């Protein structure tokens, strides 16, 4: 009985050490909630950038239309 108990105690020590190493490695990995938060932040940033670029494109297109209209109205070919 003592021998069996000694084997279990040795097994418990080895298992505890292995579990401690596994837990330290698990801290480096991201959880699903971490990934979801990152995805939400990325979507928010993407939306902000696309919104900014849309207004820049609209402003540039308006400036080009205005320039073409001015040239067509005021610059004579002859």
N, C-alpha and C. Protein backbone atom coordinates (compact mmCIF):
# COMPACT_ATOMS: atom_id res chain seq x y z
N UNK A 1 0.82 -1.19 0.00
CA UNK A 1 0.00 0.00 0.00
C UNK A 1 0.87 1.26 0.00
N UNK A 2 1.96 1.22 0.77
CA UNK A 2 2.87 2.38 0.84
C UNK A 2 3.53 2.64 -0.51
N UNK A 3 3.88 1.55 -1.19
CA UNK A 3 4.51 1.70 -2.51
C UNK A 3 3.54 2.35 -3.50
N UNK A 4 2.30 1.94 -3.44
CA UNK A 4 1.29 2.50 -4.33
C UNK A 4 1.06 3.98 -4.02
N UNK A 5 1.02 4.33 -2.77
CA UNK A 5 0.86 5.71 -2.36
C UNK A 5 2.06 6.55 -2.79
N UNK A 6 3.25 6.00 -2.71
CA UNK A 6 4.46 6.72 -3.14
C UNK A 6 4.41 6.98 -4.65
N UNK A 7 3.93 6.00 -5.43
CA UNK A 7 3.81 6.20 -6.87
C UNK A 7 2.79 7.30 -7.19
N UNK A 8 1.68 7.31 -6.48
CA UNK A 8 0.69 8.36 -6.70
C UNK A 8 1.23 9.75 -6.34
N UNK A 9 2.00 9.83 -5.27
CA UNK A 9 2.58 11.11 -4.88
C UNK A 9 3.58 11.60 -5.93
N UNK A 10 4.39 10.68 -6.45
CA UNK A 10 5.33 11.05 -7.50
C UNK A 10 4.59 11.49 -8.76
N UNK A 11 3.53 10.75 -9.10
CA UNK A 11 2.71 11.11 -10.25
C UNK A 11 2.07 12.49 -10.06
N UNK A 12 1.64 12.79 -8.84
CA UNK A 12 1.02 14.08 -8.54
C UNK A 12 2.02 15.21 -8.72
N UNK A 13 3.24 15.03 -8.30
CA UNK A 13 4.27 16.07 -8.43
C UNK A 13 4.58 16.30 -9.90
N UNK A 14 4.76 15.20 -10.65
CA UNK A 14 5.04 15.34 -12.09
C UNK A 14 3.88 16.01 -12.82
N UNK A 15 2.68 15.62 -12.48
CA UNK A 15 1.51 16.19 -13.13
C UNK A 15 1.36 17.67 -12.79
N UNK A 16 1.63 18.04 -11.55
CA UNK A 16 1.54 19.44 -11.14
C UNK A 16 2.56 20.29 -11.91
N UNK A 17 3.77 19.76 -12.06
CA UNK A 17 4.80 20.50 -12.81
C UNK A 17 4.41 20.65 -14.28
N UNK A 18 3.91 19.59 -14.87
CA UNK A 18 3.49 19.67 -16.28
C UNK A 18 2.32 20.64 -16.45
N UNK A 19 1.39 20.61 -15.52
CA UNK A 19 0.24 21.51 -15.59
C UNK A 19 0.68 22.97 -15.44
N UNK A 20 1.64 23.23 -14.59
CA UNK A 20 2.15 24.60 -14.42
C UNK A 20 2.79 25.09 -15.71
N UNK A 21 3.54 24.22 -16.40
CA UNK A 21 4.15 24.62 -17.68
C UNK A 21 3.08 24.87 -18.74
N UNK A 22 2.06 24.05 -18.77
CA UNK A 22 0.98 24.23 -19.74
C UNK A 22 0.25 25.54 -19.47
N UNK A 23 -0.02 25.84 -18.21
CA UNK A 23 -0.72 27.09 -17.88
C UNK A 23 0.09 28.31 -18.27
N UNK A 24 1.41 28.26 -18.13
CA UNK A 24 2.22 29.41 -18.53
C UNK A 24 2.19 29.58 -20.05
N UNK A 25 2.12 28.50 -20.80
CA UNK A 25 2.02 28.61 -22.26
C UNK A 25 0.65 29.10 -22.68
N UNK A 26 -0.39 28.72 -21.97
CA UNK A 26 -1.74 29.14 -22.34
C UNK A 26 -1.94 30.64 -22.20
N UNK A 27 -1.19 31.28 -21.32
CA UNK A 27 -1.32 32.72 -21.15
C UNK A 27 -0.92 33.47 -22.41
N UNK A 28 -0.09 32.87 -23.26
CA UNK A 28 0.35 33.52 -24.49
C UNK A 28 -0.71 33.47 -25.59
N UNK A 29 -1.66 32.57 -25.52
CA UNK A 29 -2.66 32.41 -26.56
C UNK A 29 -3.86 33.33 -26.32
N UNK A 30 -4.48 33.74 -27.42
CA UNK A 30 -5.65 34.61 -27.33
C UNK A 30 -6.91 33.76 -27.15
N UNK A 31 -7.85 34.31 -26.43
CA UNK A 31 -9.13 33.64 -26.26
C UNK A 31 -10.10 34.13 -27.33
N UNK A 32 -11.26 33.51 -27.40
CA UNK A 32 -12.26 33.93 -28.38
C UNK A 32 -12.71 35.35 -28.11
N UNK A 33 -12.85 35.72 -26.86
CA UNK A 33 -13.27 37.09 -26.56
C UNK A 33 -12.19 38.09 -26.97
N UNK A 34 -10.92 37.72 -26.84
CA UNK A 34 -9.83 38.59 -27.31
C UNK A 34 -9.92 38.78 -28.82
N UNK A 35 -10.16 37.70 -29.53
CA UNK A 35 -10.27 37.77 -30.98
C UNK A 35 -11.48 38.58 -31.42
N UNK A 36 -12.60 38.42 -30.72
CA UNK A 36 -13.79 39.19 -31.06
C UNK A 36 -13.58 40.67 -30.81
N UNK A 37 -12.91 41.01 -29.73
CA UNK A 37 -12.62 42.41 -29.44
C UNK A 37 -11.69 43.00 -30.50
N UNK A 38 -10.71 42.22 -30.91
CA UNK A 38 -9.79 42.68 -31.95
C UNK A 38 -10.52 42.87 -33.27
N UNK A 39 -11.40 41.93 -33.60
CA UNK A 39 -12.17 42.03 -34.84
C UNK A 39 -13.06 43.28 -34.81
N UNK A 40 -13.70 43.55 -33.68
CA UNK A 40 -14.55 44.74 -33.57
C UNK A 40 -13.72 46.01 -33.73
N UNK A 41 -12.54 46.04 -33.13
CA UNK A 41 -11.67 47.21 -33.27
C UNK A 41 -11.22 47.40 -34.72
N UNK A 42 -10.90 46.30 -35.40
CA UNK A 42 -10.49 46.39 -36.79
C UNK A 42 -11.62 46.88 -37.69
N UNK A 43 -12.83 46.38 -37.46
CA UNK A 43 -13.98 46.83 -38.25
C UNK A 43 -14.25 48.31 -38.00
N UNK A 44 -14.12 48.73 -36.76
CA UNK A 44 -14.35 50.14 -36.43
C UNK A 44 -13.31 51.02 -37.14
N UNK A 45 -12.05 50.60 -37.11
CA UNK A 45 -10.99 51.36 -37.77
C UNK A 45 -11.18 51.36 -39.29
N UNK A 46 -11.57 50.21 -39.86
CA UNK A 46 -11.81 50.13 -41.29
C UNK A 46 -12.95 51.06 -41.70
N UNK A 47 -14.02 51.07 -40.92
CA UNK A 47 -15.15 51.94 -41.22
C UNK A 47 -14.72 53.40 -41.19
N UNK A 48 -13.94 53.77 -40.20
CA UNK A 48 -13.47 55.15 -40.08
C UNK A 48 -12.62 55.55 -41.28
N UNK A 49 -11.72 54.68 -41.70
CA UNK A 49 -10.85 54.98 -42.83
C UNK A 49 -11.64 55.06 -44.15
N UNK A 50 -12.57 54.13 -44.35
CA UNK A 50 -13.38 54.16 -45.56
C UNK A 50 -14.25 55.42 -45.61
N UNK A 51 -14.77 55.82 -44.48
CA UNK A 51 -15.58 57.03 -44.41
C UNK A 51 -14.74 58.24 -44.79
N UNK A 52 -13.53 58.32 -44.27
CA UNK A 52 -12.64 59.43 -44.60
C UNK A 52 -12.27 59.44 -46.08
N UNK A 53 -11.97 58.28 -46.63
CA UNK A 53 -11.61 58.22 -48.05
C UNK A 53 -12.79 58.56 -48.95
N UNK A 54 -14.00 58.20 -48.55
CA UNK A 54 -15.18 58.50 -49.35
C UNK A 54 -15.34 60.01 -49.50
N UNK A 55 -15.18 60.74 -48.41
CA UNK A 55 -15.34 62.19 -48.49
C UNK A 55 -14.20 62.84 -49.28
N UNK A 56 -13.02 62.28 -49.21
CA UNK A 56 -11.92 62.80 -50.03
C UNK A 56 -12.19 62.57 -51.52
N UNK A 57 -12.70 61.38 -51.85
CA UNK A 57 -13.03 61.09 -53.25
C UNK A 57 -14.15 61.99 -53.76
N UNK A 58 -15.18 62.18 -52.94
CA UNK A 58 -16.27 63.06 -53.35
C UNK A 58 -15.79 64.50 -53.53
N UNK A 59 -14.93 64.96 -52.65
CA UNK A 59 -14.40 66.31 -52.77
C UNK A 59 -13.54 66.47 -54.01
N UNK A 60 -12.71 65.49 -54.30
CA UNK A 60 -11.87 65.52 -55.50
C UNK A 60 -12.69 65.48 -56.77
N UNK A 61 -13.71 64.62 -56.79
CA UNK A 61 -14.57 64.52 -57.97
C UNK A 61 -15.33 65.84 -58.18
N UNK A 62 -15.79 66.45 -57.11
CA UNK A 62 -16.49 67.73 -57.22
C UNK A 62 -15.56 68.81 -57.76
N UNK A 63 -14.32 68.82 -57.30
CA UNK A 63 -13.35 69.80 -57.79
C UNK A 63 -13.08 69.60 -59.28
N UNK A 64 -12.97 68.36 -59.71
CA UNK A 64 -12.75 68.09 -61.14
C UNK A 64 -13.95 68.51 -61.98
N UNK A 65 -15.15 68.24 -61.53
CA UNK A 65 -16.35 68.63 -62.27
C UNK A 65 -16.41 70.15 -62.35
N UNK A 66 -16.11 70.82 -61.25
CA UNK A 66 -16.11 72.29 -61.24
C UNK A 66 -15.08 72.84 -62.22
N UNK A 67 -13.89 72.27 -62.24
CA UNK A 67 -12.84 72.73 -63.14
C UNK A 67 -13.24 72.52 -64.60
N UNK A 68 -13.80 71.38 -64.92
CA UNK A 68 -14.23 71.11 -66.30
C UNK A 68 -15.36 72.05 -66.69
N UNK A 69 -16.29 72.32 -65.81
CA UNK A 69 -17.38 73.24 -66.10
C UNK A 69 -16.84 74.65 -66.35
N UNK A 70 -15.91 75.09 -65.50
CA UNK A 70 -15.31 76.42 -65.67
C UNK A 70 -14.60 76.52 -67.02
N UNK A 71 -13.82 75.51 -67.36
CA UNK A 71 -13.10 75.52 -68.64
C UNK A 71 -14.08 75.53 -69.80
N UNK A 72 -15.12 74.74 -69.71
CA UNK A 72 -16.09 74.66 -70.80
C UNK A 72 -16.85 75.98 -70.98
N UNK A 73 -17.12 76.68 -69.90
CA UNK A 73 -17.89 77.92 -69.98
C UNK A 73 -17.03 79.12 -70.35
N UNK A 74 -15.81 79.21 -69.82
CA UNK A 74 -15.04 80.44 -69.90
C UNK A 74 -13.86 80.44 -70.87
N UNK A 75 -13.39 79.31 -71.25
CA UNK A 75 -12.22 79.26 -72.13
C UNK A 75 -12.72 79.05 -73.55
N UNK A 76 -12.35 79.95 -74.44
CA UNK A 76 -12.81 79.81 -75.82
C UNK A 76 -11.79 79.03 -76.61
N UNK A 77 -12.24 78.30 -77.58
CA UNK A 77 -11.38 77.46 -78.40
C UNK A 77 -10.65 78.33 -79.42
N UNK A 78 -11.20 79.40 -79.87
CA UNK A 78 -10.61 80.24 -80.93
C UNK A 78 -9.77 81.31 -80.36
